[in-house]
Structures are given as C-alpha cells and as structure tokens.
Amino acid sequence: MKAKFKTLAIVAFLGLFLHSCSTDDDNTTDVAAPVITNFEFGEGSEHSTEPFAYKGSDLHLEAEINAEGIVSSISIDIHADDIEVGDGEVEWDYEATYTKDSYLVINPTFHEHIDIPSNIPAGEYHIELTVTDEMGNSTEIEGHLEILDPITISDFHMDTTVARGSDFHVEFMINAINGIHNITVDIHGHDLAVGEGEVEWDEEVIFEDGFHEETEAEFHKHIDVPADAPAGEYHVLFTVEDEDGNTTAYETHIDVTV
C-alpha cells in the first residue's frame, strides 16, 4: 500500500512539475513583439521631422520603442526606389545594425545620425527600421525619404545666338542650402578654325559679388563676346560652388555669328 502511495505521489509531483514548466514556456512565448512609435527622420543639422535631407550632409533618425522583452538589435535599411544613377554618381544602399548597450534594454529610445554621401543620385529612398527582441520577436516600420541636391539651378534662360562684338543675356535661379561660394562661367569653342584677324575665344569668369554666402539668388548677366572671336558653336558651362565645396553645373551651347 505504501509503495503504491509513493508511486502515485511521484507521478503527481512529476505532473505538477511538467505543467509548471509548460506554463513557464507559454508565458515566455506570450511576450509581445516590440512596438515602434514616433518614428521620425529628416535633415540632421536641424533634427528635422520633415522626411528630406541633403546629399553630403547627415540624416537624423529617432524612434520610441516599447518592448516587453529586452531588445537584442535595431537595424536600419535605406535604398533607392528606381533612381537613375548619373555620371559621377554611385548607387547608395545603406544597412546598419545597432547593438550598443543603451539599446539592449526594455523600452529604449533610438537616436542616430547617418552621413549621406555627396555623390549619390537625388530622389526618393525607402527607409526601414527593424527592432528584434531576445525572444526573436521582430517589428518593422517603413517610410520614404527624399534626398535633395544641396545646390539647384532652375528657371534657366539664355540666348541661343549672338553676334560677335555684342553680348548675350543669361539668367537663372540658384538655391544653395549651405550658401553660395561663387559662380564660374566657362566658354570655349568646338574645334573652330581661327581665321585671319581672329583670336580664339576661351574664357572663364568667376562671379562672387552679390552671391557670396547667399542661400538663394538670381544670376542675371550680360556677357560680352569679343569682336574678333571666330564664328561658330560655343560650349558654355555654368558651375555653382557652395561654402562646403559642393558643386553643380549646367551646360549649354550658343552660336556666335558674324
């Protein structure tokens, strides 16, 4: 009788023990996935919440994370959505995983700054934030980021022909987030024959007065054409440089007539 009682007691104890372990396991798997709130990103220098930033600057990212389980990693993925890569540009795909101690806790605040290359295409980029906890639960949130050029030239107008000995008119608007340093105009011919009494016209002019350190300005000039310049097609290149050394250029042509 005593042996039977001992056996029943052992069975009952094992049953309770296994049930307890099962309950513990169920509680573990019941930990909710992290919740991401107040996800913001924008121009780094301003800690902006507007979803745009400039090439050659930095990007500010921030988010609140509510996590029942301890966070094991936070990842960022940034890539372009069908943006054409131009001359001198490279494709930008950015991935980073953050595991510093301040993030590997319950309910951390995510805050980082990412450098944006200056030689990537401007346009719309897809950005994704992923948070994973120690139980393997994962949550992601996404958005779209507009990468802008730090210098833009717009509303360009220039004469298409000009008689030598006179001048041609050109005007355009400049926006430079870092301020304008100078504007260079380079004019040269396309393998033009130099006749008797003519002199090759190859000129570079730098404009600073009225533009230096301005973030928005109108370039409005009349450029003289030498009377002895050979007639023909000339290449005209306008280059705007900002105070951080970034440049943007606009090229066109003009026909010089006799």
C-alpha atoms as a PDB file:
ATOM      1  CA  MET A   1       0.000   0.000   0.000  1.00  0.00           C
ATOM      2  CA  LYS A   2       2.834   2.334   0.959  1.00  0.00           C
ATOM      3  CA  ALA A   3       4.625   1.526  -2.310  1.00  0.00           C
ATOM      4  CA  LYS A   4       1.505   2.398  -4.306  1.00  0.00           C
ATOM      5  CA  PHE A   5       1.146   5.667  -2.438  1.00  0.00           C
ATOM      6  CA  LYS A   6       4.758   6.597  -3.127  1.00  0.00           C
ATOM      7  CA  THR A   7       4.320   5.832  -6.798  1.00  0.00           C
ATOM      8  CA  LEU A   8       1.176   7.984  -7.019  1.00  0.00           C
ATOM      9  CA  ALA A   9       2.919  10.810  -5.176  1.00  0.00           C
ATOM     10  CA  ILE A  10       5.870  10.717  -7.582  1.00  0.00           C
ATOM     11  CA  VAL A  11       3.560  10.708 -10.608  1.00  0.00           C
ATOM     12  CA  ALA A  12       1.585  13.627  -9.196  1.00  0.00           C
ATOM     13  CA  PHE A  13       4.787  15.586  -8.491  1.00  0.00           C
ATOM     14  CA  LEU A  14       6.121  14.995 -11.980  1.00  0.00           C
ATOM     15  CA  GLY A  15       2.785  16.072 -13.426  1.00  0.00           C
ATOM     16  CA  LEU A  16       2.824  19.316 -11.478  1.00  0.00           C
ATOM     17  CA  PHE A  17       6.483  19.928 -12.415  1.00  0.00           C
ATOM     18  CA  LEU A  18       5.871  19.381 -16.128  1.00  0.00           C
ATOM     19  CA  HIS A  19       2.764  21.579 -16.029  1.00  0.00           C
ATOM     20  CA  SER A  20       4.767  24.313 -14.325  1.00  0.00           C
ATOM     21  CA  CYS A  21       7.494  24.108 -16.983  1.00  0.00           C
ATOM     22  CA  SER A  22       4.865  24.162 -19.726  1.00  0.00           C
ATOM     23  CA  THR A  23       3.242  27.218 -18.144  1.00  0.00           C
ATOM     24  CA  ASP A  24       6.623  28.969 -17.962  1.00  0.00           C
ATOM     25  CA  ASP A  25       7.249  28.196 -21.620  1.00  0.00           C
ATOM     26  CA  ASP A  26       3.816  29.530 -22.575  1.00  0.00           C
ATOM     27  CA  ASN A  27       4.492  32.744 -20.655  1.00  0.00           C
ATOM     28  CA  THR A  28       7.805  33.126 -22.492  1.00  0.00           C
ATOM     29  CA  THR A  29       6.249  32.815 -25.926  1.00  0.00           C
ATOM     30  CA  ASP A  30       3.458  35.182 -24.919  1.00  0.00           C
ATOM     31  CA  VAL A  31       5.876  38.157 -24.796  1.00  0.00           C
ATOM     32  CA  ALA A  32       4.526  40.686 -27.286  1.00  0.00           C
ATOM     33  CA  ALA A  33       6.640  41.885 -30.205  1.00  0.00           C
ATOM     34  CA  PRO A  34       8.207  45.344 -29.844  1.00  0.00           C
ATOM     35  CA  VAL A  35       6.070  48.344 -30.761  1.00  0.00           C
ATOM     36  CA  ILE A  36       7.718  51.256 -32.632  1.00  0.00           C
ATOM     37  CA  THR A  37       6.213  54.726 -32.208  1.00  0.00           C
ATOM     38  CA  ASN A  38       7.128  58.308 -33.148  1.00  0.00           C
ATOM     39  CA  PHE A  39       9.466  57.195 -35.940  1.00  0.00           C
ATOM     40  CA  GLU A  40      10.944  60.354 -37.441  1.00  0.00           C
ATOM     41  CA  PHE A  41      13.751  61.184 -39.839  1.00  0.00           C
ATOM     42  CA  GLY A  42      14.991  64.260 -41.659  1.00  0.00           C
ATOM     43  CA  GLU A  43      17.743  66.826 -42.046  1.00  0.00           C
ATOM     44  CA  GLY A  44      20.372  66.102 -39.400  1.00  0.00           C
ATOM     45  CA  SER A  45      21.592  69.603 -38.622  1.00  0.00           C
ATOM     46  CA  GLU A  46      18.046  70.706 -37.823  1.00  0.00           C
ATOM     47  CA  HIS A  47      16.898  67.442 -36.177  1.00  0.00           C
ATOM     48  CA  SER A  48      14.054  67.836 -38.640  1.00  0.00           C
ATOM     49  CA  THR A  49      10.968  65.638 -38.727  1.00  0.00           C
ATOM     50  CA  GLU A  50      10.348  66.555 -42.370  1.00  0.00           C
ATOM     51  CA  PRO A  51      11.262  63.489 -44.471  1.00  0.00           C
ATOM     52  CA  PHE A  52      14.034  65.007 -46.579  1.00  0.00           C
ATOM     53  CA  ALA A  53      17.787  65.565 -46.289  1.00  0.00           C
ATOM     54  CA  TYR A  54      20.645  66.785 -48.472  1.00  0.00           C
ATOM     55  CA  LYS A  55      23.459  64.982 -50.238  1.00  0.00           C
ATOM     56  CA  GLY A  56      26.769  65.484 -48.422  1.00  0.00           C
ATOM     57  CA  SER A  57      25.039  66.188 -45.083  1.00  0.00           C
ATOM     58  CA  ASP A  58      23.599  63.847 -42.458  1.00  0.00           C
ATOM     59  CA  LEU A  59      20.282  62.205 -41.685  1.00  0.00           C
ATOM     60  CA  HIS A  60      18.614  62.334 -38.256  1.00  0.00           C
ATOM     61  CA  LEU A  61      16.652  59.244 -37.125  1.00  0.00           C
ATOM     62  CA  GLU A  62      14.655  58.768 -33.938  1.00  0.00           C
ATOM     63  CA  ALA A  63      12.004  56.368 -32.621  1.00  0.00           C
ATOM     64  CA  GLU A  64      10.421  55.264 -29.341  1.00  0.00           C
ATOM     65  CA  ILE A  65      10.437  51.502 -28.780  1.00  0.00           C
ATOM     66  CA  ASN A  66       8.019  49.790 -26.378  1.00  0.00           C
ATOM     67  CA  ALA A  67       9.313  46.282 -25.755  1.00  0.00           C
ATOM     68  CA  GLU A  68       8.118  43.705 -23.210  1.00  0.00           C
ATOM     69  CA  GLY A  69      11.260  41.686 -23.906  1.00  0.00           C
ATOM     70  CA  ILE A  70      14.819  43.031 -23.898  1.00  0.00           C
ATOM     71  CA  VAL A  71      15.829  44.391 -27.300  1.00  0.00           C
ATOM     72  CA  SER A  72      18.632  42.426 -28.989  1.00  0.00           C
ATOM     73  CA  SER A  73      19.180  44.581 -32.087  1.00  0.00           C
ATOM     74  CA  ILE A  74      17.942  47.592 -34.049  1.00  0.00           C
ATOM     75  CA  SER A  75      18.540  47.708 -37.817  1.00  0.00           C
ATOM     76  CA  ILE A  76      18.252  50.380 -40.497  1.00  0.00           C
ATOM     77  CA  ASP A  77      17.954  49.757 -44.238  1.00  0.00           C
ATOM     78  CA  ILE A  78      17.964  52.608 -46.794  1.00  0.00           C
ATOM     79  CA  HIS A  79      17.834  52.021 -50.536  1.00  0.00           C
ATOM     80  CA  ALA A  80      16.686  53.785 -53.675  1.00  0.00           C
ATOM     81  CA  ASP A  81      13.407  53.171 -55.456  1.00  0.00           C
ATOM     82  CA  ASP A  82      14.293  53.018 -59.165  1.00  0.00           C
ATOM     83  CA  ILE A  83      16.548  56.083 -59.241  1.00  0.00           C
ATOM     84  CA  GLU A  84      18.755  56.540 -62.294  1.00  0.00           C
ATOM     85  CA  VAL A  85      22.452  56.837 -61.444  1.00  0.00           C
ATOM     86  CA  GLY A  86      24.045  59.729 -63.348  1.00  0.00           C
ATOM     87  CA  ASP A  87      27.628  60.434 -64.397  1.00  0.00           C
ATOM     88  CA  GLY A  88      29.935  60.678 -61.391  1.00  0.00           C
ATOM     89  CA  GLU A  89      27.272  59.183 -59.103  1.00  0.00           C
ATOM     90  CA  VAL A  90      27.134  55.862 -57.272  1.00  0.00           C
ATOM     91  CA  GLU A  91      24.189  53.790 -56.063  1.00  0.00           C
ATOM     92  CA  TRP A  92      23.534  54.098 -52.312  1.00  0.00           C
ATOM     93  CA  ASP A  93      22.288  51.096 -50.339  1.00  0.00           C
ATOM     94  CA  TYR A  94      22.787  51.583 -46.603  1.00  0.00           C
ATOM     95  CA  GLU A  95      22.432  48.893 -43.954  1.00  0.00           C
ATOM     96  CA  ALA A  96      23.446  49.052 -40.284  1.00  0.00           C
ATOM     97  CA  THR A  97      22.671  47.057 -37.129  1.00  0.00           C
ATOM     98  CA  TYR A  98      22.968  48.734 -33.734  1.00  0.00           C
ATOM     99  CA  THR A  99      23.691  46.692 -30.607  1.00  0.00           C
ATOM    100  CA  LYS A 100      25.103  49.239 -28.178  1.00  0.00           C
ATOM    101  CA  ASP A 101      24.226  48.833 -24.501  1.00  0.00           C
ATOM    102  CA  SER A 102      21.778  51.741 -24.364  1.00  0.00           C
ATOM    103  CA  TYR A 103      19.587  49.958 -26.942  1.00  0.00           C
ATOM    104  CA  LEU A 104      19.736  46.436 -25.426  1.00  0.00           C
ATOM    105  CA  VAL A 105      17.130  47.169 -22.765  1.00  0.00           C
ATOM    106  CA  ILE A 106      13.378  47.274 -22.339  1.00  0.00           C
ATOM    107  CA  ASN A 107      11.784  50.374 -23.937  1.00  0.00           C
ATOM    108  CA  PRO A 108      14.850  52.094 -25.433  1.00  0.00           C
ATOM    109  CA  THR A 109      14.838  55.342 -27.429  1.00  0.00           C
ATOM    110  CA  PHE A 110      16.571  55.025 -30.806  1.00  0.00           C
ATOM    111  CA  HIS A 111      18.537  58.088 -31.966  1.00  0.00           C
ATOM    112  CA  GLU A 112      21.219  58.080 -34.662  1.00  0.00           C
ATOM    113  CA  HIS A 113      22.760  60.295 -37.351  1.00  0.00           C
ATOM    114  CA  ILE A 114      23.823  58.806 -40.687  1.00  0.00           C
ATOM    115  CA  ASP A 115      26.184  60.502 -43.143  1.00  0.00           C
ATOM    116  CA  ILE A 116      24.717  60.890 -46.638  1.00  0.00           C
ATOM    117  CA  PRO A 117      27.282  60.596 -49.459  1.00  0.00           C
ATOM    118  CA  SER A 118      27.631  63.607 -51.745  1.00  0.00           C
ATOM    119  CA  ASN A 119      27.935  61.509 -54.922  1.00  0.00           C
ATOM    120  CA  ILE A 120      24.617  59.624 -54.842  1.00  0.00           C
ATOM    121  CA  PRO A 121      21.558  60.326 -57.004  1.00  0.00           C
ATOM    122  CA  ALA A 122      18.933  62.686 -55.656  1.00  0.00           C
ATOM    123  CA  GLY A 123      15.418  61.284 -55.384  1.00  0.00           C
ATOM    124  CA  GLU A 124      13.131  59.135 -53.276  1.00  0.00           C
ATOM    125  CA  TYR A 125      14.622  56.477 -50.996  1.00  0.00           C
ATOM    126  CA  HIS A 126      12.902  53.741 -48.998  1.00  0.00           C
ATOM    127  CA  ILE A 127      13.837  53.567 -45.301  1.00  0.00           C
ATOM    128  CA  GLU A 128      13.063  50.684 -42.947  1.00  0.00           C
ATOM    129  CA  LEU A 129      13.601  50.364 -39.175  1.00  0.00           C
ATOM    130  CA  THR A 130      13.541  46.848 -37.636  1.00  0.00           C
ATOM    131  CA  VAL A 131      13.581  46.034 -33.916  1.00  0.00           C
ATOM    132  CA  THR A 132      14.204  42.478 -32.643  1.00  0.00           C
ATOM    133  CA  ASP A 133      13.995  41.289 -29.033  1.00  0.00           C
ATOM    134  CA  GLU A 134      15.845  38.453 -27.277  1.00  0.00           C
ATOM    135  CA  MET A 135      12.895  36.094 -27.816  1.00  0.00           C
ATOM    136  CA  GLY A 136      13.195  36.554 -31.594  1.00  0.00           C
ATOM    137  CA  ASN A 137      10.107  38.755 -31.904  1.00  0.00           C
ATOM    138  CA  SER A 138      10.601  41.351 -34.627  1.00  0.00           C
ATOM    139  CA  THR A 139       8.767  44.501 -35.715  1.00  0.00           C
ATOM    140  CA  GLU A 140       9.489  46.820 -38.630  1.00  0.00           C
ATOM    141  CA  ILE A 141       8.293  50.213 -39.730  1.00  0.00           C
ATOM    142  CA  GLU A 142       8.987  51.943 -43.030  1.00  0.00           C
ATOM    143  CA  GLY A 143       8.781  55.280 -44.772  1.00  0.00           C
ATOM    144  CA  HIS A 144      10.103  57.303 -47.697  1.00  0.00           C
ATOM    145  CA  LEU A 145      12.938  59.821 -47.631  1.00  0.00           C
ATOM    146  CA  GLU A 146      13.647  62.474 -50.258  1.00  0.00           C
ATOM    147  CA  ILE A 147      17.362  63.091 -50.855  1.00  0.00           C
ATOM    148  CA  LEU A 148      17.926  66.561 -52.339  1.00  0.00           C
ATOM    149  CA  ASP A 149      20.837  68.261 -54.055  1.00  0.00           C
ATOM    150  CA  PRO A 150      22.455  70.914 -51.826  1.00  0.00           C
ATOM    151  CA  ILE A 151      22.595  73.223 -54.862  1.00  0.00           C
ATOM    152  CA  THR A 152      19.924  73.557 -57.533  1.00  0.00           C
ATOM    153  CA  ILE A 153      19.739  75.645 -60.701  1.00  0.00           C
ATOM    154  CA  SER A 154      16.260  76.408 -62.031  1.00  0.00           C
ATOM    155  CA  ASP A 155      14.371  78.661 -64.467  1.00  0.00           C
ATOM    156  CA  PHE A 156      17.339  78.791 -66.840  1.00  0.00           C
ATOM    157  CA  HIS A 157      17.096  81.166 -69.817  1.00  0.00           C
ATOM    158  CA  MET A 158      19.883  82.132 -72.236  1.00  0.00           C
ATOM    159  CA  ASP A 159      20.120  83.497 -75.761  1.00  0.00           C
ATOM    160  CA  THR A 160      20.793  80.782 -78.326  1.00  0.00           C
ATOM    161  CA  THR A 161      22.619  83.044 -80.809  1.00  0.00           C
ATOM    162  CA  VAL A 162      24.722  86.188 -80.507  1.00  0.00           C
ATOM    163  CA  ALA A 163      26.618  88.389 -82.961  1.00  0.00           C
ATOM    164  CA  ARG A 164      30.300  88.781 -82.164  1.00  0.00           C
ATOM    165  CA  GLY A 165      31.120  92.201 -80.773  1.00  0.00           C
ATOM    166  CA  SER A 166      27.828  92.270 -78.842  1.00  0.00           C
ATOM    167  CA  ASP A 167      26.644  90.464 -75.702  1.00  0.00           C
ATOM    168  CA  PHE A 168      24.280  87.663 -74.775  1.00  0.00           C
ATOM    169  CA  HIS A 169      21.818  87.505 -71.919  1.00  0.00           C
ATOM    170  CA  VAL A 170      21.579  84.692 -69.341  1.00  0.00           C
ATOM    171  CA  GLU A 171      19.552  84.297 -66.158  1.00  0.00           C
ATOM    172  CA  PHE A 172      18.667  81.524 -63.692  1.00  0.00           C
ATOM    173  CA  MET A 173      17.789  80.954 -60.057  1.00  0.00           C
ATOM    174  CA  ILE A 174      20.153  79.351 -57.541  1.00  0.00           C
ATOM    175  CA  ASN A 175      19.234  77.654 -54.272  1.00  0.00           C
ATOM    176  CA  ALA A 176      22.156  76.586 -52.092  1.00  0.00           C
ATOM    177  CA  ILE A 177      21.375  75.286 -48.608  1.00  0.00           C
ATOM    178  CA  ASN A 178      24.984  75.878 -47.463  1.00  0.00           C
ATOM    179  CA  GLY A 179      25.341  79.295 -49.087  1.00  0.00           C
ATOM    180  CA  ILE A 180      26.886  80.195 -52.452  1.00  0.00           C
ATOM    181  CA  HIS A 181      30.667  80.483 -52.625  1.00  0.00           C
ATOM    182  CA  ASN A 182      30.964  81.530 -56.281  1.00  0.00           C
ATOM    183  CA  ILE A 183      29.660  81.017 -59.817  1.00  0.00           C
ATOM    184  CA  THR A 184      32.019  80.178 -62.670  1.00  0.00           C
ATOM    185  CA  VAL A 185      31.196  80.669 -66.356  1.00  0.00           C
ATOM    186  CA  ASP A 186      33.428  78.783 -68.811  1.00  0.00           C
ATOM    187  CA  ILE A 187      33.125  79.476 -72.556  1.00  0.00           C
ATOM    188  CA  HIS A 188      35.089  77.751 -75.296  1.00  0.00           C
ATOM    189  CA  GLY A 189      34.645  76.798 -78.947  1.00  0.00           C
ATOM    190  CA  HIS A 190      34.265  73.360 -80.508  1.00  0.00           C
ATOM    191  CA  ASP A 191      37.358  72.991 -82.747  1.00  0.00           C
ATOM    192  CA  LEU A 192      36.660  76.250 -84.523  1.00  0.00           C
ATOM    193  CA  ALA A 193      39.049  77.400 -87.219  1.00  0.00           C
ATOM    194  CA  VAL A 194      40.673  80.732 -86.383  1.00  0.00           C
ATOM    195  CA  GLY A 195      40.669  82.973 -89.447  1.00  0.00           C
ATOM    196  CA  GLU A 196      42.812  85.950 -90.318  1.00  0.00           C
ATOM    197  CA  GLY A 197      42.281  88.795 -87.851  1.00  0.00           C
ATOM    198  CA  GLU A 198      40.506  86.472 -85.406  1.00  0.00           C
ATOM    199  CA  VAL A 199      41.550  85.327 -81.923  1.00  0.00           C
ATOM    200  CA  GLU A 200      40.476  82.116 -80.254  1.00  0.00           C
ATOM    201  CA  TRP A 201      37.849  82.833 -77.589  1.00  0.00           C
ATOM    202  CA  ASP A 202      38.331  80.693 -74.488  1.00  0.00           C
ATOM    203  CA  GLU A 203      37.184  82.498 -71.356  1.00  0.00           C
ATOM    204  CA  GLU A 204      36.492  81.709 -67.718  1.00  0.00           C
ATOM    205  CA  VAL A 205      34.806  84.282 -65.470  1.00  0.00           C
ATOM    206  CA  ILE A 206      34.171  83.914 -61.725  1.00  0.00           C
ATOM    207  CA  PHE A 207      31.320  85.806 -60.058  1.00  0.00           C
ATOM    208  CA  GLU A 208      31.251  86.335 -56.287  1.00  0.00           C
ATOM    209  CA  ASP A 209      29.913  89.835 -55.563  1.00  0.00           C
ATOM    210  CA  GLY A 210      26.236  89.723 -54.684  1.00  0.00           C
ATOM    211  CA  PHE A 211      26.236  85.933 -54.425  1.00  0.00           C
ATOM    212  CA  HIS A 212      28.720  85.022 -51.691  1.00  0.00           C
ATOM    213  CA  GLU A 213      27.025  83.194 -48.746  1.00  0.00           C
ATOM    214  CA  GLU A 214      23.538  83.745 -50.185  1.00  0.00           C
ATOM    215  CA  THR A 215      21.279  80.680 -49.955  1.00  0.00           C
ATOM    216  CA  GLU A 216      19.007  81.937 -52.751  1.00  0.00           C
ATOM    217  CA  ALA A 217      19.979  84.258 -55.583  1.00  0.00           C
ATOM    218  CA  GLU A 218      19.177  85.201 -59.169  1.00  0.00           C
ATOM    219  CA  PHE A 219      22.044  85.098 -61.646  1.00  0.00           C
ATOM    220  CA  HIS A 220      21.284  87.741 -64.288  1.00  0.00           C
ATOM    221  CA  LYS A 221      24.169  88.808 -66.516  1.00  0.00           C
ATOM    222  CA  HIS A 222      25.065  90.078 -69.978  1.00  0.00           C
ATOM    223  CA  ILE A 223      28.292  88.502 -71.230  1.00  0.00           C
ATOM    224  CA  ASP A 224      30.372  90.271 -73.873  1.00  0.00           C
ATOM    225  CA  VAL A 225      31.522  88.414 -76.980  1.00  0.00           C
ATOM    226  CA  PRO A 226      34.835  89.641 -78.448  1.00  0.00           C
ATOM    227  CA  ALA A 227      34.543  91.239 -81.888  1.00  0.00           C
ATOM    228  CA  ASP A 228      37.431  89.073 -83.166  1.00  0.00           C
ATOM    229  CA  ALA A 229      36.031  85.723 -81.907  1.00  0.00           C
ATOM    230  CA  PRO A 230      35.641  83.067 -84.638  1.00  0.00           C
ATOM    231  CA  ALA A 231      32.029  82.390 -85.593  1.00  0.00           C
ATOM    232  CA  GLY A 232      30.565  79.007 -84.691  1.00  0.00           C
ATOM    233  CA  GLU A 233      29.192  76.944 -81.853  1.00  0.00           C
ATOM    234  CA  TYR A 234      30.493  77.536 -78.332  1.00  0.00           C
ATOM    235  CA  HIS A 235      30.132  75.403 -75.244  1.00  0.00           C
ATOM    236  CA  VAL A 236      29.016  77.343 -72.127  1.00  0.00           C
ATOM    237  CA  LEU A 237      29.341  75.773 -68.667  1.00  0.00           C
ATOM    238  CA  PHE A 238      27.913  77.366 -65.510  1.00  0.00           C
ATOM    239  CA  THR A 239      29.253  75.916 -62.231  1.00  0.00           C
ATOM    240  CA  VAL A 240      27.921  76.897 -58.808  1.00  0.00           C
ATOM    241  CA  GLU A 241      30.049  76.055 -55.758  1.00  0.00           C
ATOM    242  CA  ASP A 242      28.706  76.278 -52.212  1.00  0.00           C
ATOM    243  CA  GLU A 243      30.531  77.072 -48.956  1.00  0.00           C
ATOM    244  CA  ASP A 244      31.030  73.349 -48.244  1.00  0.00           C
ATOM    245  CA  GLY A 245      32.760  72.715 -51.568  1.00  0.00           C
ATOM    246  CA  ASN A 246      29.782  71.041 -53.259  1.00  0.00           C
ATOM    247  CA  THR A 247      29.279  71.935 -56.910  1.00  0.00           C
ATOM    248  CA  THR A 248      26.572  71.646 -59.515  1.00  0.00           C
ATOM    249  CA  ALA A 249      26.842  72.507 -63.184  1.00  0.00           C
ATOM    250  CA  TYR A 250      24.606  73.449 -66.080  1.00  0.00           C
ATOM    251  CA  GLU A 251      25.905  73.227 -69.625  1.00  0.00           C
ATOM    252  CA  THR A 252      24.519  74.585 -72.875  1.00  0.00           C
ATOM    253  CA  HIS A 253      25.601  75.946 -76.265  1.00  0.00           C
ATOM    254  CA  ILE A 254      25.432  79.249 -78.100  1.00  0.00           C
ATOM    255  CA  ASP A 255      26.045  80.100 -81.762  1.00  0.00           C
ATOM    256  CA  VAL A 256      28.271  83.113 -82.412  1.00  0.00           C
ATOM    257  CA  THR A 257      27.539  84.771 -85.738  1.00  0.00           C
ATOM    258  CA  VAL A 258      29.402  87.335 -87.816  1.00  0.00           C
END
